[in-house]
Amino acid sequence: MSTETEIKKLDEEVHSNEQDLKKLDHEMHKEIHRWELIVYPSLFAFVILAAYGFYLIFNLAKDVHFMAVSIDSNMTILTGDMQSMASNLGEMTANVRTMAVTMDSIDDTVVVLKPMLTSLNQMNGSMATLDQSVRSISDTTYYMGDHMGHMDYSMRNMNHNIDRFSNPVEMFAPW
């Protein structure tokens, strides 16, 4: 009997353990189901967010590529403009040098013109004297014209006076 009791005991223990395992299995299924309710939607949300993140990164890469191409073309244009500006600066430097040479030439010319300026000042003084002399001649000519007018008047008077005496004489003259 002891073996049978032992077997029964063992059988009860196994049955008890089986019940415990069934309870544990049932509890585990409930917990797994509860985790499935949390994990699967979270996993789905993660996949959606990952896809959206990939979409954003893809668009960002595309925009960065477009920006790089745009900057590259603008840099090409800018390089051409800088080369043009450098050549224009070279021309401007040459023009400034030419201006410096011209200024030196003007400076030399001014040095030459200083004696001419002195001569011009002397000529200006001579012209002032000449102007005064011409005015004096003009005044003298005016007075001469005025005196000629007086002489004309006097000649007319004299002619008139002589004419008065010549009329009676002509009457007696035989010619």
N, C-alpha and C. Protein backbone atom coordinates (compact mmCIF):
# COMPACT_ATOMS: atom_id res chain seq x y z
N MET A 1 0.76 -1.14 0.00
CA MET A 1 0.00 0.00 0.00
C MET A 1 0.83 1.25 0.00
N SER A 2 1.75 1.10 0.43
CA SER A 2 2.57 2.27 0.50
C SER A 2 2.92 2.76 -0.91
N THR A 3 3.10 1.86 -1.77
CA THR A 3 3.38 2.29 -3.11
C THR A 3 2.13 2.87 -3.75
N GLU A 4 1.05 2.29 -3.45
CA GLU A 4 -0.17 2.82 -4.03
C GLU A 4 -0.47 4.19 -3.45
N THR A 5 -0.30 4.33 -2.24
CA THR A 5 -0.50 5.63 -1.61
C THR A 5 0.52 6.63 -2.16
N GLU A 6 1.62 6.10 -2.33
CA GLU A 6 2.63 7.00 -2.87
C GLU A 6 2.27 7.39 -4.28
N ILE A 7 1.73 6.44 -4.98
CA ILE A 7 1.35 6.72 -6.37
C ILE A 7 0.16 7.67 -6.34
N LYS A 8 -0.74 7.47 -5.49
CA LYS A 8 -1.88 8.35 -5.40
C LYS A 8 -1.43 9.74 -5.00
N LYS A 9 -0.55 9.72 -4.05
CA LYS A 9 -0.02 11.00 -3.62
C LYS A 9 0.67 11.72 -4.77
N LEU A 10 1.41 10.93 -5.44
CA LEU A 10 2.12 11.50 -6.59
C LEU A 10 1.12 11.91 -7.65
N ASP A 11 0.12 11.10 -7.83
CA ASP A 11 -0.89 11.41 -8.82
C ASP A 11 -1.64 12.68 -8.42
N GLU A 12 -1.92 12.84 -7.17
CA GLU A 12 -2.58 14.05 -6.69
C GLU A 12 -1.65 15.26 -6.85
N GLU A 13 -0.44 15.01 -6.55
CA GLU A 13 0.55 16.08 -6.70
C GLU A 13 0.68 16.48 -8.16
N VAL A 14 0.70 15.50 -9.03
CA VAL A 14 0.81 15.76 -10.46
C VAL A 14 -0.45 16.49 -10.90
N HIS A 15 -1.58 15.99 -10.42
CA HIS A 15 -2.83 16.64 -10.78
C HIS A 15 -2.86 18.09 -10.24
N SER A 16 -2.38 18.26 -9.04
CA SER A 16 -2.31 19.60 -8.45
C SER A 16 -1.34 20.48 -9.26
N ASN A 17 -0.24 19.88 -9.59
CA ASN A 17 0.75 20.62 -10.40
C ASN A 17 0.18 20.92 -11.78
N GLU A 18 -0.57 19.95 -12.29
CA GLU A 18 -1.20 20.16 -13.60
C GLU A 18 -2.20 21.30 -13.52
N GLN A 19 -2.96 21.34 -12.45
CA GLN A 19 -3.91 22.43 -12.26
C GLN A 19 -3.16 23.76 -12.16
N ASP A 20 -2.09 23.71 -11.41
CA ASP A 20 -1.29 24.94 -11.27
C ASP A 20 -0.70 25.37 -12.62
N LEU A 21 -0.28 24.37 -13.38
CA LEU A 21 0.28 24.68 -14.70
C LEU A 21 -0.80 25.20 -15.63
N LYS A 22 -2.00 24.66 -15.54
CA LYS A 22 -3.10 25.14 -16.37
C LYS A 22 -3.44 26.57 -15.99
N LYS A 23 -3.48 26.82 -14.67
CA LYS A 23 -3.74 28.17 -14.21
C LYS A 23 -2.63 29.11 -14.72
N LEU A 24 -1.40 28.62 -14.58
CA LEU A 24 -0.27 29.43 -15.06
C LEU A 24 -0.37 29.64 -16.56
N ASP A 25 -0.75 28.57 -17.28
CA ASP A 25 -0.90 28.71 -18.74
C ASP A 25 -2.02 29.69 -19.06
N HIS A 26 -3.11 29.59 -18.35
CA HIS A 26 -4.22 30.50 -18.58
C HIS A 26 -3.80 31.95 -18.28
N GLU A 27 -3.11 32.15 -17.16
CA GLU A 27 -2.63 33.48 -16.79
C GLU A 27 -1.62 34.01 -17.83
N MET A 28 -0.78 33.11 -18.31
CA MET A 28 0.22 33.49 -19.31
C MET A 28 -0.47 33.92 -20.60
N HIS A 29 -1.50 33.18 -20.99
CA HIS A 29 -2.24 33.55 -22.21
C HIS A 29 -2.92 34.90 -22.03
N LYS A 30 -3.44 35.16 -20.86
CA LYS A 30 -4.06 36.45 -20.60
C LYS A 30 -3.01 37.58 -20.68
N GLU A 31 -1.86 37.31 -20.06
CA GLU A 31 -0.78 38.31 -20.09
C GLU A 31 -0.27 38.51 -21.51
N ILE A 32 -0.14 37.42 -22.24
CA ILE A 32 0.33 37.52 -23.63
C ILE A 32 -0.70 38.29 -24.45
N HIS A 33 -1.97 37.97 -24.24
CA HIS A 33 -3.02 38.69 -24.97
C HIS A 33 -2.98 40.17 -24.61
N ARG A 34 -2.78 40.49 -23.32
CA ARG A 34 -2.67 41.87 -22.90
C ARG A 34 -1.46 42.53 -23.57
N TRP A 35 -0.34 41.84 -23.62
CA TRP A 35 0.87 42.37 -24.28
C TRP A 35 0.65 42.51 -25.79
N GLU A 36 -0.11 41.58 -26.35
CA GLU A 36 -0.41 41.67 -27.79
C GLU A 36 -1.23 42.92 -28.09
N LEU A 37 -2.14 43.26 -27.17
CA LEU A 37 -2.93 44.46 -27.35
C LEU A 37 -2.05 45.72 -27.28
N ILE A 38 -0.95 45.68 -26.58
CA ILE A 38 -0.05 46.83 -26.47
C ILE A 38 1.02 46.79 -27.55
N VAL A 39 1.66 45.63 -27.74
CA VAL A 39 2.83 45.53 -28.61
C VAL A 39 2.45 45.64 -30.09
N TYR A 40 1.42 44.96 -30.55
CA TYR A 40 1.10 44.99 -31.97
C TYR A 40 0.70 46.38 -32.46
N PRO A 41 -0.18 47.09 -31.74
CA PRO A 41 -0.45 48.46 -32.19
C PRO A 41 0.80 49.36 -32.12
N SER A 42 1.61 49.14 -31.07
CA SER A 42 2.85 49.92 -30.96
C SER A 42 3.78 49.59 -32.12
N LEU A 43 3.88 48.33 -32.45
CA LEU A 43 4.71 47.91 -33.57
C LEU A 43 4.17 48.49 -34.88
N PHE A 44 2.87 48.49 -35.05
CA PHE A 44 2.25 49.07 -36.24
C PHE A 44 2.54 50.58 -36.30
N ALA A 45 2.40 51.28 -35.14
CA ALA A 45 2.69 52.71 -35.09
C ALA A 45 4.17 52.95 -35.39
N PHE A 46 5.04 52.11 -34.87
CA PHE A 46 6.47 52.25 -35.15
C PHE A 46 6.75 52.08 -36.64
N VAL A 47 6.11 51.11 -37.29
CA VAL A 47 6.32 50.90 -38.73
C VAL A 47 5.83 52.13 -39.50
N ILE A 48 4.66 52.67 -39.11
CA ILE A 48 4.14 53.86 -39.79
C ILE A 48 5.09 55.05 -39.58
N LEU A 49 5.54 55.25 -38.33
CA LEU A 49 6.47 56.34 -38.05
C LEU A 49 7.81 56.14 -38.78
N ALA A 50 8.26 54.90 -38.86
CA ALA A 50 9.51 54.61 -39.57
C ALA A 50 9.35 54.91 -41.06
N ALA A 51 8.18 54.54 -41.63
CA ALA A 51 7.93 54.83 -43.05
C ALA A 51 7.86 56.34 -43.28
N TYR A 52 7.20 57.05 -42.37
CA TYR A 52 7.12 58.50 -42.51
C TYR A 52 8.51 59.13 -42.34
N GLY A 53 9.28 58.61 -41.40
CA GLY A 53 10.66 59.08 -41.23
C GLY A 53 11.48 58.84 -42.49
N PHE A 54 11.32 57.66 -43.08
CA PHE A 54 12.03 57.38 -44.34
C PHE A 54 11.60 58.36 -45.42
N TYR A 55 10.28 58.64 -45.49
CA TYR A 55 9.77 59.60 -46.47
C TYR A 55 10.40 60.98 -46.24
N LEU A 56 10.45 61.42 -44.97
CA LEU A 56 11.04 62.72 -44.66
C LEU A 56 12.53 62.75 -45.01
N ILE A 57 13.24 61.71 -44.66
CA ILE A 57 14.68 61.66 -44.97
C ILE A 57 14.90 61.62 -46.47
N PHE A 58 14.05 60.88 -47.19
CA PHE A 58 14.17 60.82 -48.65
C PHE A 58 13.95 62.21 -49.26
N ASN A 59 12.90 62.90 -48.81
CA ASN A 59 12.63 64.26 -49.33
C ASN A 59 13.74 65.23 -48.93
N LEU A 60 14.26 65.08 -47.72
CA LEU A 60 15.37 65.93 -47.30
C LEU A 60 16.58 65.69 -48.19
N ALA A 61 16.87 64.43 -48.48
CA ALA A 61 18.01 64.12 -49.35
C ALA A 61 17.78 64.69 -50.74
N LYS A 62 16.54 64.58 -51.24
CA LYS A 62 16.22 65.12 -52.56
C LYS A 62 16.38 66.64 -52.56
N ASP A 63 15.89 67.31 -51.51
CA ASP A 63 16.02 68.76 -51.41
C ASP A 63 17.48 69.19 -51.28
N VAL A 64 18.25 68.43 -50.52
CA VAL A 64 19.68 68.74 -50.38
C VAL A 64 20.38 68.55 -51.72
N HIS A 65 19.99 67.53 -52.48
CA HIS A 65 20.57 67.33 -53.81
C HIS A 65 20.22 68.49 -54.73
N PHE A 66 18.95 68.91 -54.72
CA PHE A 66 18.52 70.05 -55.54
C PHE A 66 19.29 71.31 -55.13
N MET A 67 19.44 71.52 -53.82
CA MET A 67 20.17 72.68 -53.34
C MET A 67 21.64 72.61 -53.76
N ALA A 68 22.24 71.42 -53.70
CA ALA A 68 23.64 71.27 -54.11
C ALA A 68 23.80 71.56 -55.60
N VAL A 69 22.86 71.07 -56.42
CA VAL A 69 22.93 71.35 -57.86
C VAL A 69 22.76 72.84 -58.11
N SER A 70 21.82 73.47 -57.41
CA SER A 70 21.58 74.90 -57.56
C SER A 70 22.80 75.71 -57.13
N ILE A 71 23.39 75.34 -56.01
CA ILE A 71 24.58 76.04 -55.55
C ILE A 71 25.73 75.84 -56.52
N ASP A 72 25.84 74.63 -57.07
CA ASP A 72 26.90 74.35 -58.04
C ASP A 72 26.75 75.24 -59.27
N SER A 73 25.52 75.34 -59.80
CA SER A 73 25.32 76.18 -60.99
C SER A 73 25.54 77.65 -60.64
N ASN A 74 25.09 78.06 -59.46
CA ASN A 74 25.31 79.45 -59.05
C ASN A 74 26.79 79.73 -58.83
N MET A 75 27.51 78.75 -58.32
CA MET A 75 28.96 78.92 -58.13
C MET A 75 29.66 79.04 -59.48
N THR A 76 29.17 78.31 -60.48
CA THR A 76 29.75 78.41 -61.82
C THR A 76 29.54 79.82 -62.36
N ILE A 77 28.33 80.33 -62.20
CA ILE A 77 28.04 81.70 -62.65
C ILE A 77 28.87 82.70 -61.85
N LEU A 78 28.95 82.49 -60.53
CA LEU A 78 29.72 83.38 -59.67
C LEU A 78 31.19 83.36 -60.05
N THR A 79 31.71 82.19 -60.40
CA THR A 79 33.11 82.09 -60.82
C THR A 79 33.34 82.91 -62.08
N GLY A 80 32.42 82.79 -63.04
CA GLY A 80 32.53 83.59 -64.27
C GLY A 80 32.46 85.07 -63.96
N ASP A 81 31.54 85.45 -63.08
CA ASP A 81 31.42 86.87 -62.71
C ASP A 81 32.68 87.37 -62.00
N MET A 82 33.26 86.52 -61.15
CA MET A 82 34.49 86.90 -60.45
C MET A 82 35.64 87.07 -61.44
N GLN A 83 35.70 86.19 -62.44
CA GLN A 83 36.75 86.32 -63.45
C GLN A 83 36.55 87.61 -64.24
N SER A 84 35.30 87.90 -64.59
CA SER A 84 35.00 89.14 -65.30
C SER A 84 35.37 90.34 -64.44
N MET A 85 35.05 90.26 -63.17
CA MET A 85 35.36 91.35 -62.26
C MET A 85 36.88 91.51 -62.13
N ALA A 86 37.60 90.40 -62.10
CA ALA A 86 39.06 90.48 -62.01
C ALA A 86 39.64 91.13 -63.26
N SER A 87 39.11 90.78 -64.43
CA SER A 87 39.61 91.41 -65.67
C SER A 87 39.24 92.89 -65.69
N ASN A 88 38.03 93.22 -65.22
CA ASN A 88 37.63 94.63 -65.15
C ASN A 88 38.51 95.40 -64.18
N LEU A 89 38.90 94.77 -63.08
CA LEU A 89 39.80 95.42 -62.15
C LEU A 89 41.16 95.63 -62.79
N GLY A 90 41.58 94.68 -63.62
CA GLY A 90 42.84 94.84 -64.34
C GLY A 90 42.77 96.02 -65.29
N GLU A 91 41.65 96.14 -66.01
CA GLU A 91 41.47 97.28 -66.91
C GLU A 91 41.42 98.58 -66.12
N MET A 92 40.74 98.54 -64.98
CA MET A 92 40.64 99.73 -64.16
C MET A 92 42.02 100.13 -63.64
N THR A 93 42.84 99.15 -63.28
CA THR A 93 44.21 99.45 -62.83
C THR A 93 44.99 100.11 -63.96
N ALA A 94 44.85 99.56 -65.17
CA ALA A 94 45.54 100.16 -66.32
C ALA A 94 45.05 101.58 -66.56
N ASN A 95 43.74 101.82 -66.45
CA ASN A 95 43.19 103.16 -66.62
C ASN A 95 43.70 104.12 -65.55
N VAL A 96 43.82 103.64 -64.32
CA VAL A 96 44.33 104.50 -63.24
C VAL A 96 45.79 104.84 -63.51
N ARG A 97 46.54 103.85 -64.01
CA ARG A 97 47.95 104.14 -64.35
C ARG A 97 48.01 105.19 -65.46
N THR A 98 47.15 105.04 -66.47
CA THR A 98 47.11 106.03 -67.55
C THR A 98 46.75 107.40 -66.99
N MET A 99 45.80 107.43 -66.07
CA MET A 99 45.43 108.70 -65.44
C MET A 99 46.61 109.29 -64.68
N ALA A 100 47.39 108.45 -64.01
CA ALA A 100 48.55 108.94 -63.26
C ALA A 100 49.56 109.55 -64.22
N VAL A 101 49.78 108.87 -65.36
CA VAL A 101 50.71 109.40 -66.36
C VAL A 101 50.17 110.73 -66.90
N THR A 102 48.87 110.77 -67.17
CA THR A 102 48.25 112.00 -67.67
C THR A 102 48.37 113.12 -66.64
N MET A 103 48.19 112.79 -65.38
CA MET A 103 48.32 113.80 -64.32
C MET A 103 49.76 114.31 -64.25
N ASP A 104 50.74 113.40 -64.41
CA ASP A 104 52.12 113.85 -64.45
C ASP A 104 52.34 114.78 -65.63
N SER A 105 51.76 114.42 -66.78
CA SER A 105 51.88 115.27 -67.98
C SER A 105 51.22 116.61 -67.74
N ILE A 106 50.06 116.61 -67.10
CA ILE A 106 49.37 117.87 -66.79
C ILE A 106 50.22 118.70 -65.84
N ASP A 107 50.85 118.04 -64.87
CA ASP A 107 51.72 118.74 -63.93
C ASP A 107 52.87 119.41 -64.68
N ASP A 108 53.47 118.65 -65.63
CA ASP A 108 54.54 119.23 -66.45
C ASP A 108 54.00 120.40 -67.27
N THR A 109 52.80 120.25 -67.81
CA THR A 109 52.19 121.31 -68.61
C THR A 109 51.93 122.55 -67.76
N VAL A 110 51.50 122.35 -66.54
CA VAL A 110 51.23 123.48 -65.65
C VAL A 110 52.53 124.21 -65.35
N VAL A 111 53.62 123.45 -65.18
CA VAL A 111 54.92 124.08 -64.95
C VAL A 111 55.29 124.95 -66.15
N VAL A 112 55.00 124.44 -67.37
CA VAL A 112 55.27 125.20 -68.59
C VAL A 112 54.33 126.39 -68.68
N LEU A 113 53.11 126.23 -68.23
CA LEU A 113 52.11 127.29 -68.35
C LEU A 113 52.35 128.45 -67.38
N LYS A 114 53.11 128.24 -66.31
CA LYS A 114 53.33 129.32 -65.35
C LYS A 114 54.01 130.52 -66.00
N PRO A 115 55.09 130.33 -66.79
CA PRO A 115 55.64 131.53 -67.48
C PRO A 115 54.64 132.12 -68.46
N MET A 116 53.84 131.24 -69.11
CA MET A 116 52.83 131.74 -70.04
C MET A 116 51.79 132.56 -69.29
N LEU A 117 51.49 132.14 -68.06
CA LEU A 117 50.53 132.88 -67.25
C LEU A 117 51.09 134.27 -66.92
N THR A 118 52.38 134.32 -66.64
CA THR A 118 53.00 135.61 -66.38
C THR A 118 52.91 136.49 -67.63
N SER A 119 53.21 135.87 -68.80
CA SER A 119 53.11 136.61 -70.05
C SER A 119 51.68 137.07 -70.29
N LEU A 120 50.71 136.19 -70.00
CA LEU A 120 49.31 136.55 -70.17
C LEU A 120 48.93 137.70 -69.25
N ASN A 121 49.45 137.68 -68.04
CA ASN A 121 49.16 138.78 -67.11
C ASN A 121 49.73 140.09 -67.65
N GLN A 122 50.96 140.01 -68.22
CA GLN A 122 51.55 141.21 -68.81
C GLN A 122 50.72 141.67 -70.01
N MET A 123 50.28 140.69 -70.83
CA MET A 123 49.45 141.04 -71.98
C MET A 123 48.13 141.64 -71.51
N ASN A 124 47.60 141.13 -70.41
CA ASN A 124 46.36 141.66 -69.86
C ASN A 124 46.56 143.13 -69.46
N GLY A 125 47.71 143.41 -68.83
CA GLY A 125 48.01 144.80 -68.47
C GLY A 125 48.14 145.66 -69.71
N SER A 126 48.83 145.13 -70.75
CA SER A 126 48.98 145.88 -71.99
C SER A 126 47.63 146.11 -72.64
N MET A 127 46.76 145.09 -72.60
CA MET A 127 45.42 145.23 -73.17
C MET A 127 44.62 146.29 -72.42
N ALA A 128 44.81 146.35 -71.12
CA ALA A 128 44.11 147.39 -70.34
C ALA A 128 44.58 148.77 -70.78
N THR A 129 45.90 148.90 -70.98
CA THR A 129 46.44 150.17 -71.45
C THR A 129 45.92 150.48 -72.84
N LEU A 130 45.91 149.46 -73.72
CA LEU A 130 45.41 149.62 -75.07
C LEU A 130 43.93 150.01 -75.05
N ASP A 131 43.17 149.38 -74.16
CA ASP A 131 41.75 149.70 -74.02
C ASP A 131 41.58 151.16 -73.62
N GLN A 132 42.42 151.61 -72.72
CA GLN A 132 42.35 153.00 -72.29
C GLN A 132 42.68 153.93 -73.46
N SER A 133 43.69 153.53 -74.22
CA SER A 133 44.08 154.36 -75.37
C SER A 133 42.97 154.39 -76.40
N VAL A 134 42.35 153.24 -76.67
CA VAL A 134 41.26 153.20 -77.65
C VAL A 134 40.09 154.04 -77.16
N ARG A 135 39.82 154.03 -75.88
CA ARG A 135 38.75 154.87 -75.34
C ARG A 135 39.10 156.35 -75.53
N SER A 136 40.35 156.63 -75.28
CA SER A 136 40.78 158.02 -75.46
C SER A 136 40.62 158.43 -76.91
N ILE A 137 41.00 157.53 -77.86
CA ILE A 137 40.83 157.83 -79.29
C ILE A 137 39.35 157.98 -79.61
N SER A 138 38.52 157.09 -79.02
CA SER A 138 37.08 157.16 -79.25
C SER A 138 36.53 158.49 -78.74
N ASP A 139 36.97 158.88 -77.54
CA ASP A 139 36.49 160.17 -77.01
C ASP A 139 36.94 161.32 -77.91
N THR A 140 38.20 161.25 -78.35
CA THR A 140 38.73 162.30 -79.22
C THR A 140 37.96 162.34 -80.52
N THR A 141 37.65 161.15 -81.09
CA THR A 141 36.89 161.09 -82.34
C THR A 141 35.50 161.66 -82.12
N TYR A 142 34.91 161.39 -80.98
CA TYR A 142 33.59 161.94 -80.67
C TYR A 142 33.66 163.46 -80.64
N TYR A 143 34.68 163.97 -79.92
CA TYR A 143 34.81 165.42 -79.84
C TYR A 143 35.09 166.03 -81.21
N MET A 144 35.89 165.31 -82.03
CA MET A 144 36.16 165.79 -83.39
C MET A 144 34.86 165.85 -84.19
N GLY A 145 34.03 164.80 -84.05
CA GLY A 145 32.75 164.79 -84.75
C GLY A 145 31.87 165.92 -84.28
N ASP A 146 31.89 166.18 -82.98
CA ASP A 146 31.10 167.27 -82.42
C ASP A 146 31.61 168.60 -82.98
N HIS A 147 32.91 168.77 -83.01
CA HIS A 147 33.48 170.01 -83.54
C HIS A 147 33.22 170.13 -85.04
N MET A 148 33.23 169.01 -85.75
CA MET A 148 32.92 169.04 -87.18
C MET A 148 31.47 169.50 -87.36
N GLY A 149 30.60 169.05 -86.47
CA GLY A 149 29.21 169.50 -86.52
C GLY A 149 29.12 171.00 -86.31
N HIS A 150 29.92 171.51 -85.36
CA HIS A 150 29.94 172.96 -85.12
C HIS A 150 30.50 173.70 -86.34
N MET A 151 31.56 173.07 -86.91
CA MET A 151 32.14 173.69 -88.11
C MET A 151 31.11 173.72 -89.24
N ASP A 152 30.34 172.65 -89.39
CA ASP A 152 29.31 172.58 -90.42
C ASP A 152 28.29 173.68 -90.19
N TYR A 153 27.91 173.81 -88.94
CA TYR A 153 26.93 174.84 -88.60
C TYR A 153 27.50 176.24 -88.93
N SER A 154 28.76 176.39 -88.55
CA SER A 154 29.39 177.70 -88.83
C SER A 154 29.51 177.93 -90.33
N MET A 155 29.84 176.91 -91.09
CA MET A 155 29.96 177.04 -92.54
C MET A 155 28.60 177.39 -93.13
N ARG A 156 27.55 176.80 -92.67
CA ARG A 156 26.22 177.12 -93.18
C ARG A 156 25.87 178.57 -92.88
N ASN A 157 26.18 178.95 -91.66
CA ASN A 157 25.91 180.35 -91.31
C ASN A 157 26.73 181.29 -92.19
N MET A 158 27.98 180.91 -92.36
CA MET A 158 28.83 181.76 -93.19
C MET A 158 28.32 181.77 -94.63
N ASN A 159 27.92 180.65 -95.14
CA ASN A 159 27.39 180.54 -96.49
C ASN A 159 26.13 181.38 -96.60
N HIS A 160 25.32 181.30 -95.66
CA HIS A 160 24.08 182.07 -95.66
C HIS A 160 24.39 183.58 -95.64
N ASN A 161 25.35 183.92 -94.79
CA ASN A 161 25.72 185.34 -94.70
C ASN A 161 26.34 185.83 -96.02
N ILE A 162 27.17 185.03 -96.60
CA ILE A 162 27.80 185.42 -97.87
C ILE A 162 26.74 185.45 -98.96
N ASP A 163 25.86 184.54 -98.94
CA ASP A 163 24.81 184.45 -99.94
C ASP A 163 23.94 185.69 -99.89
N ARG A 164 23.70 186.21 -98.76
CA ARG A 164 22.89 187.42 -98.64
C ARG A 164 23.55 188.60 -99.36
N PHE A 165 24.85 188.67 -99.25
CA PHE A 165 25.53 189.78 -99.92
C PHE A 165 25.72 189.52 -101.40
N SER A 166 25.75 188.30 -101.81
CA SER A 166 26.02 188.00 -103.21
C SER A 166 24.78 188.21 -104.07
N ASN A 167 23.61 188.17 -103.56
CA ASN A 167 22.41 188.34 -104.36
C ASN A 167 22.34 189.74 -104.99
N PRO A 168 22.52 190.82 -104.27
CA PRO A 168 22.48 192.13 -104.94
C PRO A 168 23.63 192.31 -105.89
N VAL A 169 24.77 191.69 -105.57
CA VAL A 169 25.92 191.85 -106.45
C VAL A 169 25.67 191.10 -107.73
N GLU A 170 25.06 190.00 -107.70
CA GLU A 170 24.81 189.20 -108.90
C GLU A 170 23.87 189.92 -109.84
N MET A 171 23.08 190.69 -109.30
CA MET A 171 22.17 191.42 -110.17
C MET A 171 22.93 192.38 -111.08
N PHE A 172 24.01 192.88 -110.55
CA PHE A 172 24.75 193.85 -111.34
C PHE A 172 25.86 193.22 -112.16
N ALA A 173 26.16 191.98 -111.90
CA ALA A 173 27.29 191.34 -112.59
C ALA A 173 26.89 190.98 -114.01
N PRO A 174 27.80 191.19 -114.99
CA PRO A 174 27.45 190.91 -116.34
C PRO A 174 27.55 189.44 -116.70
N TRP A 175 28.11 188.71 -116.09
CA TRP A 175 28.26 187.29 -116.48
C TRP A 175 27.19 186.43 -116.09
